[in-house]
Amino acid sequence: MVTAFQNTQVLLLAAVLLAACLAKLTVRERAADAPDRVHGVPVPAGLGRLTALRRVRGMNAGLGVGEGVLGLALLVTSHMSVRLATTVAFAAATWVVGELRVRRPDAGCGCFGGLSHRRVDRRSVLRAVLFTGAAAASIGAPLAGLQALRDVQARMGLVLLVELALFAALSPELSELLERYRRRNGRGRGRTVMPCERRRSPLAETYASLYDSAAWAAHENVVSSAVPLDVWREGCWRFIAFGARVDERDMEVVFAVSTAERDRTVLAAFVQPERADAPEEERAARSAERLSALL
């Protein structure tokens, strides 16, 4: 049973790597989903390093080719170096996805090329962790992928089907692929999605998103007043600044709430409070500091 499970992981990983290769080489990212902007607002350069590879088409294609080579190698050989390289690759991918989840929640992981433009969520992180576990389990598999496929057993096929179903459940790329297919075939027309920077976003909607967010739950106890100090909108974000008390110091906690129609994100950051008598230049610099701290 253990051996059959290990052989199944080889087939699963080969299929995933080949699918990722195919997606990276054939599916281009839509211009509206460019990773150097978050909901239409430019991202400071320091926060864009994790997605630098996605900005260069050649690098993205090279990564896809590397995944394809690993996938084919899993099918034709059971050499230990291939299994170890696969495990390291998935472990590195898990780390990158985890960092994106923390630092760039609105930037897609690019795991499957242009299909992976949606924000990184818990499903993406869990999927990466499970694949890393599968890669570790495959190290001791005695058969290469093609050998296991020729000698497939009923229980092995059942395990593979269950894992593929779990993979599908954790993959938002499938719905994106279906949406593209519908658009290409003329279906789904008639509903125009308003760009987030032009979309009407009532203040009540913003507050509802804020108070239901993890960012508010994490900072609620330091907020010193229920009335915000300032509320303003920039592009696809509405910013709300509250007075806060942190380590016996007066601070400001600024929340950035996405005005997108779906998958709204809430970010938070602490900044030094603005002086009421500050000159116009200093107030402009403070506003820029708020945006930089959040985005």
Protein backbone atom coordinates (compact mmCIF):
# COMPACT_ATOMS: atom_id res chain seq x y z
CA MET A 1 0.00 0.00 0.00
CA VAL A 2 2.83 2.40 0.89
CA THR A 3 4.64 1.65 -2.36
CA ALA A 4 1.47 2.21 -4.38
CA PHE A 5 0.94 5.55 -2.62
CA GLN A 6 4.51 6.64 -3.39
CA ASN A 7 4.17 5.69 -7.06
CA THR A 8 0.92 7.65 -7.21
CA GLN A 9 2.70 10.80 -6.02
CA VAL A 10 5.15 10.51 -8.92
CA LEU A 11 2.27 10.51 -11.41
CA LEU A 12 0.52 13.38 -9.62
CA LEU A 13 3.62 15.58 -9.53
CA ALA A 14 4.48 14.85 -13.16
CA ALA A 15 0.97 15.85 -14.21
CA VAL A 16 1.09 19.07 -12.17
CA LEU A 17 4.52 20.08 -13.47
CA LEU A 18 3.57 19.43 -17.08
CA ALA A 19 0.30 21.36 -16.63
CA ALA A 20 2.20 24.29 -15.09
CA CYS A 21 4.69 24.20 -17.97
CA LEU A 22 1.92 24.20 -20.58
CA ALA A 23 0.10 27.07 -18.87
CA LYS A 24 3.22 29.24 -18.56
CA LEU A 25 4.14 28.72 -22.21
CA THR A 26 0.68 29.19 -23.71
CA VAL A 27 -1.46 31.37 -21.40
CA ARG A 28 -0.51 35.01 -21.27
CA GLU A 29 -1.44 37.25 -18.39
CA ARG A 30 -4.09 39.82 -19.16
CA ALA A 31 -2.89 43.43 -19.18
CA ALA A 32 -5.45 44.33 -16.50
CA ASP A 33 -3.82 41.82 -14.15
CA ALA A 34 -0.28 43.18 -14.42
CA PRO A 35 1.54 42.42 -11.14
CA ASP A 36 3.18 45.87 -10.86
CA ARG A 37 -0.19 47.32 -9.83
CA VAL A 38 -2.51 46.32 -7.01
CA HIS A 39 -6.14 47.12 -7.87
CA GLY A 40 -4.91 49.85 -10.21
CA VAL A 41 -2.51 51.50 -7.72
CA PRO A 42 1.25 51.26 -8.50
CA VAL A 43 3.18 49.08 -6.06
CA PRO A 44 6.44 50.46 -4.60
CA ALA A 45 9.47 48.73 -6.08
CA GLY A 46 10.57 47.23 -2.78
CA LEU A 47 7.42 45.11 -2.55
CA GLY A 48 7.56 43.86 -6.12
CA ARG A 49 10.65 41.67 -5.90
CA LEU A 50 8.78 38.46 -5.27
CA THR A 51 6.91 38.86 -8.56
CA ALA A 52 9.88 40.08 -10.62
CA LEU A 53 10.07 36.83 -12.58
CA ARG A 54 6.49 37.29 -13.77
CA ARG A 55 7.32 40.67 -15.33
CA VAL A 56 9.83 39.11 -17.73
CA ARG A 57 8.23 36.88 -20.34
CA GLY A 58 11.52 35.06 -21.05
CA MET A 59 12.11 34.26 -17.39
CA ASN A 60 8.56 33.03 -16.97
CA ALA A 61 8.92 30.80 -20.04
CA GLY A 62 12.24 29.51 -18.75
CA LEU A 63 10.64 28.58 -15.45
CA GLY A 64 7.91 26.75 -17.35
CA VAL A 65 10.47 24.83 -19.41
CA GLY A 66 12.27 23.83 -16.21
CA GLU A 67 9.02 22.51 -14.76
CA GLY A 68 8.34 20.62 -17.98
CA VAL A 69 11.78 19.00 -17.87
CA LEU A 70 11.22 17.92 -14.27
CA GLY A 71 7.80 16.52 -15.14
CA LEU A 72 9.17 14.48 -18.06
CA ALA A 73 12.08 13.28 -15.93
CA LEU A 74 9.65 12.00 -13.30
CA LEU A 75 7.92 9.99 -16.02
CA VAL A 76 11.01 8.35 -17.50
CA THR A 77 13.39 7.84 -14.59
CA SER A 78 13.35 7.01 -10.90
CA HIS A 79 16.77 8.52 -10.22
CA MET A 80 17.13 10.02 -6.77
CA SER A 81 18.47 13.35 -8.10
CA VAL A 82 15.21 13.94 -10.01
CA ARG A 83 13.12 13.24 -6.94
CA LEU A 84 15.25 15.52 -4.76
CA ALA A 85 15.18 18.32 -7.34
CA THR A 86 11.39 18.04 -7.50
CA THR A 87 11.11 18.24 -3.71
CA VAL A 88 13.38 21.29 -3.55
CA ALA A 89 11.41 22.99 -6.34
CA PHE A 90 8.07 22.50 -4.59
CA ALA A 91 9.53 23.57 -1.23
CA ALA A 92 10.83 26.77 -2.83
CA ALA A 93 7.45 27.37 -4.46
CA THR A 94 5.75 26.94 -1.08
CA TRP A 95 8.03 29.56 0.46
CA VAL A 96 7.35 32.02 -2.38
CA VAL A 97 3.58 31.52 -2.16
CA GLY A 98 3.70 32.01 1.60
CA GLU A 99 5.65 35.26 1.19
CA LEU A 100 3.20 36.50 -1.42
CA ARG A 101 0.33 35.71 0.93
CA VAL A 102 1.88 37.99 3.56
CA ARG A 103 3.45 40.77 1.48
CA ARG A 104 1.47 40.87 -1.76
CA PRO A 105 -2.00 39.45 -1.01
CA ASP A 106 -3.45 40.86 -4.24
CA ALA A 107 -0.72 39.53 -6.55
CA GLY A 108 -1.37 36.13 -8.07
CA CYS A 109 1.24 33.44 -7.61
CA GLY A 110 1.74 32.82 -11.32
CA CYS A 111 1.91 29.08 -10.59
CA PHE A 112 0.01 28.33 -13.79
CA GLY A 113 0.97 31.34 -15.85
CA GLY A 114 -1.74 33.86 -16.66
CA LEU A 115 -4.39 31.62 -15.12
CA SER A 116 -3.00 32.31 -11.63
CA HIS A 117 -3.72 36.05 -11.52
CA ARG A 118 -6.13 35.95 -8.58
CA ARG A 119 -4.86 36.91 -5.17
CA VAL A 120 -2.96 34.36 -3.14
CA ASP A 121 -5.19 32.93 -0.43
CA ARG A 122 -5.08 30.06 2.04
CA ARG A 123 -6.04 27.56 -0.66
CA SER A 124 -2.94 28.46 -2.68
CA VAL A 125 -0.67 28.06 0.33
CA LEU A 126 -2.30 24.76 1.36
CA ARG A 127 -1.98 23.43 -2.19
CA ALA A 128 1.73 24.27 -2.28
CA VAL A 129 2.28 22.59 1.10
CA LEU A 130 0.46 19.44 -0.02
CA PHE A 131 2.51 19.25 -3.22
CA THR A 132 5.70 19.60 -1.20
CA GLY A 133 4.55 16.73 1.02
CA ALA A 134 3.75 14.65 -2.06
CA ALA A 135 7.22 15.37 -3.47
CA ALA A 136 8.83 14.26 -0.21
CA ALA A 137 6.73 11.08 -0.22
CA SER A 138 7.74 10.32 -3.81
CA ILE A 139 11.45 10.17 -3.00
CA GLY A 140 11.22 6.51 -2.05
CA ALA A 141 8.96 5.47 -4.94
CA PRO A 142 10.53 2.48 -6.78
CA LEU A 143 8.96 3.16 -10.19
CA ALA A 144 9.18 5.96 -12.72
CA GLY A 145 5.92 7.54 -13.78
CA LEU A 146 5.48 5.63 -17.05
CA GLN A 147 6.29 2.34 -15.33
CA ALA A 148 3.72 3.07 -12.63
CA LEU A 149 1.20 4.02 -15.31
CA ARG A 150 1.66 0.69 -17.13
CA ASP A 151 1.32 -1.21 -13.87
CA VAL A 152 -1.54 0.84 -12.43
CA GLN A 153 -3.69 -0.91 -9.83
CA ALA A 154 -7.22 -0.21 -8.71
CA ARG A 155 -6.24 1.25 -5.34
CA MET A 156 -3.51 3.35 -6.95
CA GLY A 157 -5.99 4.73 -9.48
CA LEU A 158 -8.45 5.54 -6.70
CA VAL A 159 -5.81 7.42 -4.71
CA LEU A 160 -4.79 9.37 -7.81
CA LEU A 161 -8.40 10.35 -8.55
CA VAL A 162 -8.93 11.53 -4.97
CA GLU A 163 -5.74 13.62 -5.07
CA LEU A 164 -6.63 15.12 -8.43
CA ALA A 165 -10.07 16.04 -7.07
CA LEU A 166 -8.41 17.72 -4.06
CA PHE A 167 -6.04 19.54 -6.38
CA ALA A 168 -8.99 20.78 -8.44
CA ALA A 169 -10.81 21.98 -5.31
CA LEU A 170 -7.74 24.01 -4.27
CA SER A 171 -7.15 25.51 -7.73
CA PRO A 172 -8.90 28.79 -8.65
CA GLU A 173 -7.24 28.45 -12.06
CA LEU A 174 -9.97 26.06 -13.19
CA SER A 175 -12.68 28.71 -12.88
CA GLU A 176 -10.46 31.19 -14.69
CA LEU A 177 -9.90 28.68 -17.49
CA LEU A 178 -13.67 28.16 -17.78
CA GLU A 179 -14.27 31.91 -17.83
CA ARG A 180 -11.77 32.37 -20.65
CA TYR A 181 -13.37 29.56 -22.59
CA ARG A 182 -16.79 31.19 -22.25
CA ARG A 183 -15.47 34.56 -23.39
CA ARG A 184 -13.72 32.99 -26.38
CA ASN A 185 -16.93 31.27 -27.44
CA GLY A 186 -19.05 34.37 -27.05
CA ARG A 187 -20.71 33.30 -23.83
CA GLY A 188 -20.91 35.35 -20.71
CA ARG A 189 -21.20 38.56 -22.73
CA GLY A 190 -23.61 41.29 -21.75
CA ARG A 191 -22.19 41.91 -18.29
CA THR A 192 -19.54 44.61 -18.21
CA VAL A 193 -17.32 44.64 -15.14
CA MET A 194 -16.70 48.18 -14.00
CA PRO A 195 -12.99 48.94 -13.43
CA CYS A 196 -12.34 49.25 -9.71
CA GLU A 197 -10.97 52.80 -10.00
CA ARG A 198 -14.26 53.92 -11.59
CA ARG A 199 -16.60 51.72 -9.62
CA ARG A 200 -18.96 53.41 -7.18
CA SER A 201 -18.09 52.14 -3.72
CA PRO A 202 -20.39 53.39 -0.94
CA LEU A 203 -18.73 54.25 2.34
CA ALA A 204 -20.99 51.76 4.12
CA GLU A 205 -19.60 48.98 1.92
CA THR A 206 -16.05 50.03 2.82
CA TYR A 207 -16.78 49.99 6.54
CA ALA A 208 -18.48 46.59 6.27
CA SER A 209 -15.41 45.16 4.52
CA LEU A 210 -13.12 46.76 7.09
CA TYR A 211 -14.93 45.51 10.18
CA ASP A 212 -15.17 41.96 8.79
CA SER A 213 -11.45 41.80 7.96
CA ALA A 214 -8.57 40.11 9.74
CA ALA A 215 -6.65 43.41 9.65
CA TRP A 216 -9.30 45.12 11.77
CA ALA A 217 -9.45 42.20 14.21
CA ALA A 218 -5.67 42.38 14.63
CA HIS A 219 -5.58 46.14 15.34
CA GLU A 220 -8.96 46.86 16.92
CA ASN A 221 -7.59 46.88 20.47
CA VAL A 222 -5.13 49.72 19.77
CA VAL A 223 -7.64 51.99 18.02
CA SER A 224 -8.29 54.87 20.41
CA SER A 225 -11.41 56.34 18.79
CA ALA A 226 -14.35 54.94 16.86
CA VAL A 227 -14.39 58.06 14.68
CA PRO A 228 -11.73 58.06 11.94
CA LEU A 229 -9.29 60.94 11.65
CA ASP A 230 -9.37 60.92 7.86
CA VAL A 231 -11.05 59.09 5.00
CA TRP A 232 -10.00 59.42 1.36
CA ARG A 233 -9.89 57.44 -1.86
CA GLU A 234 -6.98 56.80 -4.23
CA GLY A 235 -7.72 54.79 -7.37
CA CYS A 236 -8.97 51.39 -6.29
CA TRP A 237 -8.47 51.90 -2.56
CA ARG A 238 -10.26 53.80 0.17
CA PHE A 239 -8.03 54.74 3.09
CA ILE A 240 -9.29 55.19 6.64
CA ALA A 241 -7.00 56.59 9.34
CA PHE A 242 -7.72 56.08 13.04
CA GLY A 243 -5.95 57.38 16.09
CA ALA A 244 -4.12 54.61 17.98
CA ARG A 245 -2.18 54.08 21.17
CA VAL A 246 0.81 51.76 20.80
CA ASP A 247 3.33 51.19 23.61
CA GLU A 248 2.20 54.38 25.36
CA ARG A 249 2.74 56.38 22.16
CA ASP A 250 0.22 58.17 19.98
CA MET A 251 0.18 56.70 16.49
CA GLU A 252 -2.09 56.44 13.49
CA VAL A 253 -3.29 53.11 12.12
CA VAL A 254 -4.28 53.46 8.47
CA PHE A 255 -6.44 50.85 6.76
CA ALA A 256 -6.56 50.46 2.98
CA VAL A 257 -9.81 48.85 1.82
CA SER A 258 -10.12 47.67 -1.77
CA THR A 259 -13.03 49.08 -3.75
CA ALA A 260 -13.13 46.10 -6.13
CA GLU A 261 -16.43 44.38 -6.73
CA ARG A 262 -15.16 41.01 -5.45
CA ASP A 263 -12.25 39.64 -3.41
CA ARG A 264 -11.82 42.91 -1.52
CA THR A 265 -8.61 43.12 0.47
CA VAL A 266 -7.88 45.12 3.63
CA LEU A 267 -4.34 46.20 4.52
CA ALA A 268 -3.11 48.06 7.62
CA ALA A 269 -0.04 49.97 8.71
CA PHE A 270 1.09 52.24 11.56
CA VAL A 271 2.43 55.74 10.82
CA GLN A 272 3.46 58.70 12.91
CA PRO A 273 0.55 61.10 13.61
CA GLU A 274 0.37 64.24 11.52
CA ARG A 275 0.76 67.61 13.22
CA ALA A 276 -2.24 69.89 12.83
CA ASP A 277 0.03 72.92 12.13
CA ALA A 278 2.24 71.08 9.64
CA PRO A 279 3.03 72.98 6.41
CA GLU A 280 1.51 71.83 3.12
CA GLU A 281 4.76 70.17 1.96
CA GLU A 282 4.99 68.11 5.13
CA ARG A 283 1.33 67.08 4.88
CA ALA A 284 1.91 65.91 1.29
CA ALA A 285 4.96 63.95 2.40
CA ARG A 286 2.92 62.38 5.20
CA SER A 287 0.25 61.28 2.73
CA ALA A 288 2.94 59.70 0.55
CA GLU A 289 4.33 57.93 3.63
CA ARG A 290 0.89 56.53 4.43
CA LEU A 291 0.52 55.09 0.94
CA SER A 292 4.05 53.65 0.94
CA ALA A 293 3.52 52.00 4.34
CA LEU A 294 0.33 50.34 3.18
CA LEU A 295 1.10 49.36 -0.41
